[in-house]
Amino acid sequence: MIAAVRNRLTYSNAIATMALFIALGGVAVAATQLPRNSVGTKQLKRGAVTSAKLAKKSVINGKLGPSAVGPGNIGNGAVTTEKLAAGAVIASTIKNSVITTNKLNNEAVTTPKLGKEAVATAKLDNEAVTSAKLGKGSVTAAKLSDEVGPLLGTLKSGQTLRGVFDMGAESKAVRGATSFQFPLLNAPTTNILKVGQTSTPCPGLGGGETTPQAAPGQLCIYTTVEPGDLSSLSIDIVNRLGFGLAAFYPAADEGNEVSGLWAVTAP
């Protein structure tokens, strides 16, 4: 049998057999003996890196390109605290309106997970921030708009209270009192203006003459109905809780009345 093989062995058969072994051996080396750092971007197939291939906290700020996180990249409830490295999420890595309520686990977004100014208005979908998404004590007085009145305590600095007053009686002296909706820190400075009058601390009745204005620390009382025989209108009492007015007439008459609008602004 050996003699038969020798008789059929040619140069071309030998070269072909050697080439086959070399080729098979090269594949084995490539598959089992890859050197360190030899697999780069070009060697990875599209979609090869799945969630299971990523170690915890491996996706950090520097690994995300601009607007890299889109709606299709996040499963419902997938973003939990332990998946994010500190400061990993910044504004430039999130597309607008991507973060919706169902993408976040309750209390997943803690302070160390957010970069400075990372959460801008455009990054939040409408009604995305629900009560369950807010950490305990996260809504402080400093977080409230100036248009939100105080829930407790005194009127916030720069906020204005407004109202009306209307006094009348068949008497020479007519008195009335008004309480502020919220107390002030201190008693304001009072200003009484006759019909049509304005001043620097009391610039007027505002739009539609129904939005009386007052400078910080000032109480402005604008009369709008004032009979011609009114002798005087003066402050009877004023403090941080409200004010009282006194109107005087030369004679008792059923037409003795005075009314108007007022505004007070906290200093």
C-alpha atoms as a PDB file:
ATOM      1  CA  MET A   1       0.000   0.000   0.000  1.00  0.00           C
ATOM      2  CA  ILE A   2       2.890   2.351   0.826  1.00  0.00           C
ATOM      3  CA  ALA A   3       4.335   1.627  -2.607  1.00  0.00           C
ATOM      4  CA  ALA A   4       1.031   2.586  -4.213  1.00  0.00           C
ATOM      5  CA  VAL A   5       1.016   5.928  -2.388  1.00  0.00           C
ATOM      6  CA  ARG A   6       4.591   6.623  -3.429  1.00  0.00           C
ATOM      7  CA  ASN A   7       3.753   5.870  -7.047  1.00  0.00           C
ATOM      8  CA  ARG A   8       0.859   8.445  -6.971  1.00  0.00           C
ATOM      9  CA  LEU A   9       2.718  11.146  -4.955  1.00  0.00           C
ATOM     10  CA  THR A  10       3.535  14.130  -7.145  1.00  0.00           C
ATOM     11  CA  TYR A  11       4.926  17.599  -6.475  1.00  0.00           C
ATOM     12  CA  SER A  12       1.520  19.230  -6.971  1.00  0.00           C
ATOM     13  CA  ASN A  13      -0.166  16.812  -4.523  1.00  0.00           C
ATOM     14  CA  ALA A  14       2.438  17.600  -1.860  1.00  0.00           C
ATOM     15  CA  ILE A  15       2.120  21.379  -2.278  1.00  0.00           C
ATOM     16  CA  ALA A  16      -1.699  21.210  -2.131  1.00  0.00           C
ATOM     17  CA  THR A  17      -1.633  19.134   1.055  1.00  0.00           C
ATOM     18  CA  MET A  18       0.813  21.547   2.751  1.00  0.00           C
ATOM     19  CA  ALA A  19      -1.335  24.544   1.775  1.00  0.00           C
ATOM     20  CA  LEU A  20      -4.410  22.898   3.289  1.00  0.00           C
ATOM     21  CA  PHE A  21      -2.695  22.326   6.673  1.00  0.00           C
ATOM     22  CA  ILE A  22      -1.273  25.863   6.729  1.00  0.00           C
ATOM     23  CA  ALA A  23      -4.703  27.370   6.019  1.00  0.00           C
ATOM     24  CA  LEU A  24      -6.404  25.316   8.723  1.00  0.00           C
ATOM     25  CA  GLY A  25      -3.690  26.147  11.199  1.00  0.00           C
ATOM     26  CA  GLY A  26      -3.986  29.885  10.484  1.00  0.00           C
ATOM     27  CA  VAL A  27      -7.711  29.879  11.262  1.00  0.00           C
ATOM     28  CA  ALA A  28      -7.080  28.104  14.533  1.00  0.00           C
ATOM     29  CA  VAL A  29      -4.548  30.706  15.573  1.00  0.00           C
ATOM     30  CA  ALA A  30      -6.846  33.574  14.639  1.00  0.00           C
ATOM     31  CA  ALA A  31      -9.753  32.158  16.631  1.00  0.00           C
ATOM     32  CA  THR A  32      -7.945  31.000  19.760  1.00  0.00           C
ATOM     33  CA  GLN A  33      -4.836  33.147  20.107  1.00  0.00           C
ATOM     34  CA  LEU A  34      -5.958  36.754  19.544  1.00  0.00           C
ATOM     35  CA  PRO A  35      -3.473  39.224  21.063  1.00  0.00           C
ATOM     36  CA  ARG A  36      -4.625  41.837  23.596  1.00  0.00           C
ATOM     37  CA  ASN A  37      -6.431  44.894  22.181  1.00  0.00           C
ATOM     38  CA  SER A  38      -6.541  43.313  18.692  1.00  0.00           C
ATOM     39  CA  VAL A  39     -10.386  43.618  18.370  1.00  0.00           C
ATOM     40  CA  GLY A  40     -11.217  47.182  17.345  1.00  0.00           C
ATOM     41  CA  THR A  41     -14.215  48.996  15.915  1.00  0.00           C
ATOM     42  CA  LYS A  42     -13.789  47.453  12.454  1.00  0.00           C
ATOM     43  CA  GLN A  43     -13.808  43.910  13.870  1.00  0.00           C
ATOM     44  CA  LEU A  44     -17.195  44.316  15.623  1.00  0.00           C
ATOM     45  CA  LYS A  45     -20.393  43.482  13.764  1.00  0.00           C
ATOM     46  CA  ARG A  46     -23.304  45.893  14.008  1.00  0.00           C
ATOM     47  CA  GLY A  47     -25.325  45.063  17.140  1.00  0.00           C
ATOM     48  CA  ALA A  48     -22.620  42.777  18.534  1.00  0.00           C
ATOM     49  CA  VAL A  49     -22.354  44.678  21.839  1.00  0.00           C
ATOM     50  CA  THR A  50     -25.577  43.864  23.690  1.00  0.00           C
ATOM     51  CA  SER A  51     -26.700  44.780  27.224  1.00  0.00           C
ATOM     52  CA  ALA A  52     -25.398  41.471  28.562  1.00  0.00           C
ATOM     53  CA  LYS A  53     -21.901  42.258  27.231  1.00  0.00           C
ATOM     54  CA  LEU A  54     -21.626  45.492  29.241  1.00  0.00           C
ATOM     55  CA  ALA A  55     -20.322  45.452  32.803  1.00  0.00           C
ATOM     56  CA  LYS A  56     -22.139  47.507  35.447  1.00  0.00           C
ATOM     57  CA  LYS A  57     -21.362  51.237  35.211  1.00  0.00           C
ATOM     58  CA  SER A  58     -19.259  50.661  32.067  1.00  0.00           C
ATOM     59  CA  VAL A  59     -21.227  53.312  30.146  1.00  0.00           C
ATOM     60  CA  ILE A  60     -19.780  56.577  31.448  1.00  0.00           C
ATOM     61  CA  ASN A  61     -20.009  60.136  30.196  1.00  0.00           C
ATOM     62  CA  GLY A  62     -17.077  59.883  27.772  1.00  0.00           C
ATOM     63  CA  LYS A  63     -18.522  56.777  26.066  1.00  0.00           C
ATOM     64  CA  LEU A  64     -21.683  58.517  24.810  1.00  0.00           C
ATOM     65  CA  GLY A  65     -21.661  60.679  21.706  1.00  0.00           C
ATOM     66  CA  PRO A  66     -23.871  63.774  21.279  1.00  0.00           C
ATOM     67  CA  SER A  67     -27.570  62.789  21.252  1.00  0.00           C
ATOM     68  CA  ALA A  68     -26.527  59.123  21.523  1.00  0.00           C
ATOM     69  CA  VAL A  69     -29.404  58.165  23.818  1.00  0.00           C
ATOM     70  CA  GLY A  70     -32.624  58.050  21.798  1.00  0.00           C
ATOM     71  CA  PRO A  71     -36.089  56.619  22.495  1.00  0.00           C
ATOM     72  CA  GLY A  72     -35.301  53.279  20.828  1.00  0.00           C
ATOM     73  CA  ASN A  73     -32.202  52.725  22.959  1.00  0.00           C
ATOM     74  CA  ILE A  74     -33.985  52.583  26.334  1.00  0.00           C
ATOM     75  CA  GLY A  75     -36.381  49.894  27.500  1.00  0.00           C
ATOM     76  CA  ASN A  76     -39.180  50.708  29.946  1.00  0.00           C
ATOM     77  CA  GLY A  77     -37.766  50.871  33.469  1.00  0.00           C
ATOM     78  CA  ALA A  78     -34.272  50.038  32.169  1.00  0.00           C
ATOM     79  CA  VAL A  79     -32.507  53.030  33.679  1.00  0.00           C
ATOM     80  CA  THR A  80     -31.918  52.305  37.363  1.00  0.00           C
ATOM     81  CA  THR A  81     -29.499  53.961  39.766  1.00  0.00           C
ATOM     82  CA  GLU A  82     -26.900  51.179  39.663  1.00  0.00           C
ATOM     83  CA  LYS A  83     -26.712  51.308  35.846  1.00  0.00           C
ATOM     84  CA  LEU A  84     -25.423  54.894  35.805  1.00  0.00           C
ATOM     85  CA  ALA A  85     -22.021  56.144  36.823  1.00  0.00           C
ATOM     86  CA  ALA A  86     -21.884  59.454  38.713  1.00  0.00           C
ATOM     87  CA  GLY A  87     -22.261  62.397  36.294  1.00  0.00           C
ATOM     88  CA  ALA A  88     -22.719  60.068  33.285  1.00  0.00           C
ATOM     89  CA  VAL A  89     -25.885  61.733  31.977  1.00  0.00           C
ATOM     90  CA  ILE A  90     -25.295  65.234  30.619  1.00  0.00           C
ATOM     91  CA  ALA A  91     -27.438  67.399  28.351  1.00  0.00           C
ATOM     92  CA  SER A  92     -25.539  66.763  25.089  1.00  0.00           C
ATOM     93  CA  THR A  93     -25.933  62.962  25.273  1.00  0.00           C
ATOM     94  CA  ILE A  94     -29.754  62.988  25.453  1.00  0.00           C
ATOM     95  CA  LYS A  95     -32.090  63.778  22.584  1.00  0.00           C
ATOM     96  CA  ASN A  96     -35.022  66.093  23.234  1.00  0.00           C
ATOM     97  CA  SER A  97     -38.111  64.516  24.850  1.00  0.00           C
ATOM     98  CA  VAL A  98     -36.403  61.123  25.247  1.00  0.00           C
ATOM     99  CA  ILE A  99     -36.796  60.768  29.016  1.00  0.00           C
ATOM    100  CA  THR A 100     -40.430  59.872  29.631  1.00  0.00           C
ATOM    101  CA  THR A 101     -41.986  58.614  32.851  1.00  0.00           C
ATOM    102  CA  ASN A 102     -41.935  54.932  31.868  1.00  0.00           C
ATOM    103  CA  LYS A 103     -38.190  55.005  31.153  1.00  0.00           C
ATOM    104  CA  LEU A 104     -37.265  55.717  34.773  1.00  0.00           C
ATOM    105  CA  ASN A 105     -37.572  53.537  37.817  1.00  0.00           C
ATOM    106  CA  ASN A 106     -38.905  55.329  40.895  1.00  0.00           C
ATOM    107  CA  GLU A 107     -36.187  57.470  42.517  1.00  0.00           C
ATOM    108  CA  ALA A 108     -33.675  56.320  39.865  1.00  0.00           C
ATOM    109  CA  VAL A 109     -32.362  59.833  39.207  1.00  0.00           C
ATOM    110  CA  THR A 110     -30.386  60.929  42.236  1.00  0.00           C
ATOM    111  CA  THR A 111     -28.240  64.051  42.569  1.00  0.00           C
ATOM    112  CA  PRO A 112     -24.844  62.422  41.821  1.00  0.00           C
ATOM    113  CA  LYS A 113     -26.213  60.910  38.587  1.00  0.00           C
ATOM    114  CA  LEU A 114     -26.821  64.301  36.986  1.00  0.00           C
ATOM    115  CA  GLY A 115     -24.225  66.600  35.472  1.00  0.00           C
ATOM    116  CA  LYS A 116     -24.520  70.335  36.022  1.00  0.00           C
ATOM    117  CA  GLU A 117     -27.507  71.782  34.130  1.00  0.00           C
ATOM    118  CA  ALA A 118     -28.129  68.342  32.555  1.00  0.00           C
ATOM    119  CA  VAL A 119     -31.920  68.436  32.877  1.00  0.00           C
ATOM    120  CA  ALA A 120     -33.165  71.267  30.678  1.00  0.00           C
ATOM    121  CA  THR A 121     -36.799  71.894  29.773  1.00  0.00           C
ATOM    122  CA  ALA A 122     -36.340  70.445  26.284  1.00  0.00           C
ATOM    123  CA  LYS A 123     -35.043  67.160  27.743  1.00  0.00           C
ATOM    124  CA  LEU A 124     -38.274  66.407  29.618  1.00  0.00           C
ATOM    125  CA  ASP A 125     -41.435  65.129  27.986  1.00  0.00           C
ATOM    126  CA  ASN A 126     -44.697  66.745  29.097  1.00  0.00           C
ATOM    127  CA  GLU A 127     -45.834  65.424  32.502  1.00  0.00           C
ATOM    128  CA  ALA A 128     -42.688  63.252  32.744  1.00  0.00           C
ATOM    129  CA  VAL A 129     -41.925  64.373  36.308  1.00  0.00           C
ATOM    130  CA  THR A 130     -44.571  62.760  38.490  1.00  0.00           C
ATOM    131  CA  SER A 131     -44.780  62.643  42.272  1.00  0.00           C
ATOM    132  CA  ALA A 132     -43.150  59.197  42.338  1.00  0.00           C
ATOM    133  CA  LYS A 133     -40.124  60.519  40.394  1.00  0.00           C
ATOM    134  CA  LEU A 134     -39.305  63.179  42.997  1.00  0.00           C
ATOM    135  CA  GLY A 135     -37.040  62.309  45.885  1.00  0.00           C
ATOM    136  CA  LYS A 136     -38.080  63.210  49.409  1.00  0.00           C
ATOM    137  CA  GLY A 137     -37.380  66.860  50.199  1.00  0.00           C
ATOM    138  CA  SER A 138     -36.405  67.631  46.580  1.00  0.00           C
ATOM    139  CA  VAL A 139     -38.998  70.423  46.154  1.00  0.00           C
ATOM    140  CA  THR A 140     -37.817  73.306  48.305  1.00  0.00           C
ATOM    141  CA  ALA A 141     -39.005  76.913  48.479  1.00  0.00           C
ATOM    142  CA  ALA A 142     -36.141  77.930  46.164  1.00  0.00           C
ATOM    143  CA  LYS A 143     -37.492  75.555  43.470  1.00  0.00           C
ATOM    144  CA  LEU A 144     -40.908  77.261  43.335  1.00  0.00           C
ATOM    145  CA  SER A 145     -41.723  79.962  40.802  1.00  0.00           C
ATOM    146  CA  ASP A 146     -42.432  83.463  42.056  1.00  0.00           C
ATOM    147  CA  GLU A 147     -45.999  82.946  40.834  1.00  0.00           C
ATOM    148  CA  VAL A 148     -46.524  80.250  43.466  1.00  0.00           C
ATOM    149  CA  GLY A 149     -47.769  81.769  46.694  1.00  0.00           C
ATOM    150  CA  PRO A 150     -46.362  80.697  50.049  1.00  0.00           C
ATOM    151  CA  LEU A 151     -48.047  77.684  51.564  1.00  0.00           C
ATOM    152  CA  LEU A 152     -46.990  78.712  55.066  1.00  0.00           C
ATOM    153  CA  GLY A 153     -45.173  81.655  56.606  1.00  0.00           C
ATOM    154  CA  THR A 154     -44.785  85.140  55.135  1.00  0.00           C
ATOM    155  CA  LEU A 155     -45.195  86.558  51.648  1.00  0.00           C
ATOM    156  CA  LYS A 156     -42.086  85.943  49.538  1.00  0.00           C
ATOM    157  CA  SER A 157     -39.912  88.970  48.733  1.00  0.00           C
ATOM    158  CA  GLY A 158     -41.109  90.764  45.588  1.00  0.00           C
ATOM    159  CA  GLN A 159     -44.541  89.113  45.532  1.00  0.00           C
ATOM    160  CA  THR A 160     -47.632  91.341  45.380  1.00  0.00           C
ATOM    161  CA  LEU A 161     -51.050  90.961  46.986  1.00  0.00           C
ATOM    162  CA  ARG A 162     -54.063  92.803  45.533  1.00  0.00           C
ATOM    163  CA  GLY A 163     -57.647  93.462  46.553  1.00  0.00           C
ATOM    164  CA  VAL A 164     -60.562  95.903  46.763  1.00  0.00           C
ATOM    165  CA  PHE A 165     -62.072  97.978  49.541  1.00  0.00           C
ATOM    166  CA  ASP A 166     -65.589  99.411  49.836  1.00  0.00           C
ATOM    167  CA  MET A 167     -66.767 101.504  52.817  1.00  0.00           C
ATOM    168  CA  GLY A 168     -70.025 103.336  53.414  1.00  0.00           C
ATOM    169  CA  ALA A 169     -72.431 104.326  56.181  1.00  0.00           C
ATOM    170  CA  GLU A 170     -74.905 107.062  57.097  1.00  0.00           C
ATOM    171  CA  SER A 171     -72.391 108.664  59.463  1.00  0.00           C
ATOM    172  CA  LYS A 172     -69.798 111.420  59.587  1.00  0.00           C
ATOM    173  CA  ALA A 173     -67.061 108.834  60.191  1.00  0.00           C
ATOM    174  CA  VAL A 174     -66.877 105.625  58.139  1.00  0.00           C
ATOM    175  CA  ARG A 175     -64.317 102.945  58.954  1.00  0.00           C
ATOM    176  CA  GLY A 176     -63.308  99.654  57.321  1.00  0.00           C
ATOM    177  CA  ALA A 177     -60.511  97.096  57.608  1.00  0.00           C
ATOM    178  CA  THR A 178     -58.810  94.644  55.222  1.00  0.00           C
ATOM    179  CA  SER A 179     -56.622  91.613  56.045  1.00  0.00           C
ATOM    180  CA  PHE A 180     -53.805  90.526  53.722  1.00  0.00           C
ATOM    181  CA  GLN A 181     -54.196  87.031  52.228  1.00  0.00           C
ATOM    182  CA  PHE A 182     -50.675  86.263  53.486  1.00  0.00           C
ATOM    183  CA  PRO A 183     -48.840  88.096  56.266  1.00  0.00           C
ATOM    184  CA  LEU A 184     -45.829  90.274  55.540  1.00  0.00           C
ATOM    185  CA  LEU A 185     -42.529  90.170  57.363  1.00  0.00           C
ATOM    186  CA  ASN A 186     -42.949  93.809  58.445  1.00  0.00           C
ATOM    187  CA  ALA A 187     -45.578  96.549  58.204  1.00  0.00           C
ATOM    188  CA  PRO A 188     -45.492  98.319  54.796  1.00  0.00           C
ATOM    189  CA  THR A 189     -45.284 102.047  54.078  1.00  0.00           C
ATOM    190  CA  THR A 190     -48.777 103.367  53.248  1.00  0.00           C
ATOM    191  CA  ASN A 191     -49.816 105.562  50.312  1.00  0.00           C
ATOM    192  CA  ILE A 192     -53.358 106.856  49.648  1.00  0.00           C
ATOM    193  CA  LEU A 193     -54.010 108.123  46.125  1.00  0.00           C
ATOM    194  CA  LYS A 194     -57.088 110.042  44.984  1.00  0.00           C
ATOM    195  CA  VAL A 195     -58.924 109.106  41.782  1.00  0.00           C
ATOM    196  CA  GLY A 196     -56.477 109.167  38.834  1.00  0.00           C
ATOM    197  CA  GLN A 197     -53.374 109.859  40.949  1.00  0.00           C
ATOM    198  CA  THR A 198     -50.076 107.904  40.698  1.00  0.00           C
ATOM    199  CA  SER A 199     -46.644 108.200  42.307  1.00  0.00           C
ATOM    200  CA  THR A 200     -43.197 106.604  42.129  1.00  0.00           C
ATOM    201  CA  PRO A 201     -43.980 103.874  44.709  1.00  0.00           C
ATOM    202  CA  CYS A 202     -47.545 103.537  43.314  1.00  0.00           C
ATOM    203  CA  PRO A 203     -47.328 103.663  39.507  1.00  0.00           C
ATOM    204  CA  GLY A 204     -50.987 102.955  38.728  1.00  0.00           C
ATOM    205  CA  LEU A 205     -53.820 100.465  38.347  1.00  0.00           C
ATOM    206  CA  GLY A 206     -52.159  98.367  35.620  1.00  0.00           C
ATOM    207  CA  GLY A 207     -53.831  96.623  32.701  1.00  0.00           C
ATOM    208  CA  GLY A 208     -57.570  97.150  32.530  1.00  0.00           C
ATOM    209  CA  GLU A 209     -57.260  99.221  35.712  1.00  0.00           C
ATOM    210  CA  THR A 210     -57.658  95.985  37.671  1.00  0.00           C
ATOM    211  CA  THR A 211     -54.009  95.181  38.452  1.00  0.00           C
ATOM    212  CA  PRO A 212     -52.910  97.799  40.993  1.00  0.00           C
ATOM    213  CA  GLN A 213     -49.145  98.183  41.346  1.00  0.00           C
ATOM    214  CA  ALA A 214     -46.949  98.747  44.401  1.00  0.00           C
ATOM    215  CA  ALA A 215     -43.181  98.992  44.811  1.00  0.00           C
ATOM    216  CA  PRO A 216     -41.470  96.580  47.279  1.00  0.00           C
ATOM    217  CA  GLY A 217     -42.319  97.482  50.867  1.00  0.00           C
ATOM    218  CA  GLN A 218     -45.213  99.733  49.820  1.00  0.00           C
ATOM    219  CA  LEU A 219     -48.992  99.586  50.372  1.00  0.00           C
ATOM    220  CA  CYS A 220     -50.812 101.565  47.664  1.00  0.00           C
ATOM    221  CA  ILE A 221     -54.501 102.424  48.166  1.00  0.00           C
ATOM    222  CA  TYR A 222     -56.140 103.741  44.997  1.00  0.00           C
ATOM    223  CA  THR A 223     -59.583 105.357  45.402  1.00  0.00           C
ATOM    224  CA  THR A 224     -61.873 104.886  42.384  1.00  0.00           C
ATOM    225  CA  VAL A 225     -65.215 106.104  43.843  1.00  0.00           C
ATOM    226  CA  GLU A 226     -64.979 109.202  45.989  1.00  0.00           C
ATOM    227  CA  PRO A 227     -67.874 111.657  46.671  1.00  0.00           C
ATOM    228  CA  GLY A 228     -67.124 115.345  46.360  1.00  0.00           C
ATOM    229  CA  ASP A 229     -67.933 116.141  49.975  1.00  0.00           C
ATOM    230  CA  LEU A 230     -65.391 113.671  51.411  1.00  0.00           C
ATOM    231  CA  SER A 231     -63.403 115.634  53.958  1.00  0.00           C
ATOM    232  CA  SER A 232     -60.518 113.177  54.339  1.00  0.00           C
ATOM    233  CA  LEU A 233     -59.457 109.553  53.918  1.00  0.00           C
ATOM    234  CA  SER A 234     -56.679 108.318  56.163  1.00  0.00           C
ATOM    235  CA  ILE A 235     -54.992 105.174  57.480  1.00  0.00           C
ATOM    236  CA  ASP A 236     -56.604 104.104  60.744  1.00  0.00           C
ATOM    237  CA  ILE A 237     -54.227 101.184  61.370  1.00  0.00           C
ATOM    238  CA  VAL A 238     -51.566  99.246  59.430  1.00  0.00           C
ATOM    239  CA  ASN A 239     -49.349  96.303  60.324  1.00  0.00           C
ATOM    240  CA  ARG A 240     -47.955  93.131  58.729  1.00  0.00           C
ATOM    241  CA  LEU A 241     -51.430  91.515  58.769  1.00  0.00           C
ATOM    242  CA  GLY A 242     -53.533  94.206  57.088  1.00  0.00           C
ATOM    243  CA  PHE A 243     -54.770  97.798  57.251  1.00  0.00           C
ATOM    244  CA  GLY A 244     -57.764  99.921  58.295  1.00  0.00           C
ATOM    245  CA  LEU A 245     -59.163 103.089  56.693  1.00  0.00           C
ATOM    246  CA  ALA A 246     -61.163 106.003  58.122  1.00  0.00           C
ATOM    247  CA  ALA A 247     -63.252 108.358  55.960  1.00  0.00           C
ATOM    248  CA  PHE A 248     -64.725 111.593  57.339  1.00  0.00           C
ATOM    249  CA  TYR A 249     -67.642 113.654  55.994  1.00  0.00           C
ATOM    250  CA  PRO A 250     -69.093 117.039  57.054  1.00  0.00           C
ATOM    251  CA  ALA A 251     -72.521 115.504  57.753  1.00  0.00           C
ATOM    252  CA  ALA A 252     -74.143 112.119  58.163  1.00  0.00           C
ATOM    253  CA  ASP A 253     -75.674 111.054  54.847  1.00  0.00           C
ATOM    254  CA  GLU A 254     -76.674 107.751  53.258  1.00  0.00           C
ATOM    255  CA  GLY A 255     -74.443 108.585  50.291  1.00  0.00           C
ATOM    256  CA  ASN A 256     -71.258 108.669  52.358  1.00  0.00           C
ATOM    257  CA  GLU A 257     -69.074 106.000  50.744  1.00  0.00           C
ATOM    258  CA  VAL A 258     -65.616 105.458  49.292  1.00  0.00           C
ATOM    259  CA  SER A 259     -64.157 102.468  47.398  1.00  0.00           C
ATOM    260  CA  GLY A 260     -61.188 101.433  45.316  1.00  0.00           C
ATOM    261  CA  LEU A 261     -58.313  98.971  44.883  1.00  0.00           C
ATOM    262  CA  TRP A 262     -55.139  98.265  46.835  1.00  0.00           C
ATOM    263  CA  ALA A 263     -51.816  96.498  46.334  1.00  0.00           C
ATOM    264  CA  VAL A 264     -48.977  95.607  48.691  1.00  0.00           C
ATOM    265  CA  THR A 265     -45.576  94.164  47.705  1.00  0.00           C
ATOM    266  CA  ALA A 266     -43.257  92.363  50.121  1.00  0.00           C
ATOM    267  CA  PRO A 267     -39.833  94.037  50.442  1.00  0.00           C
END
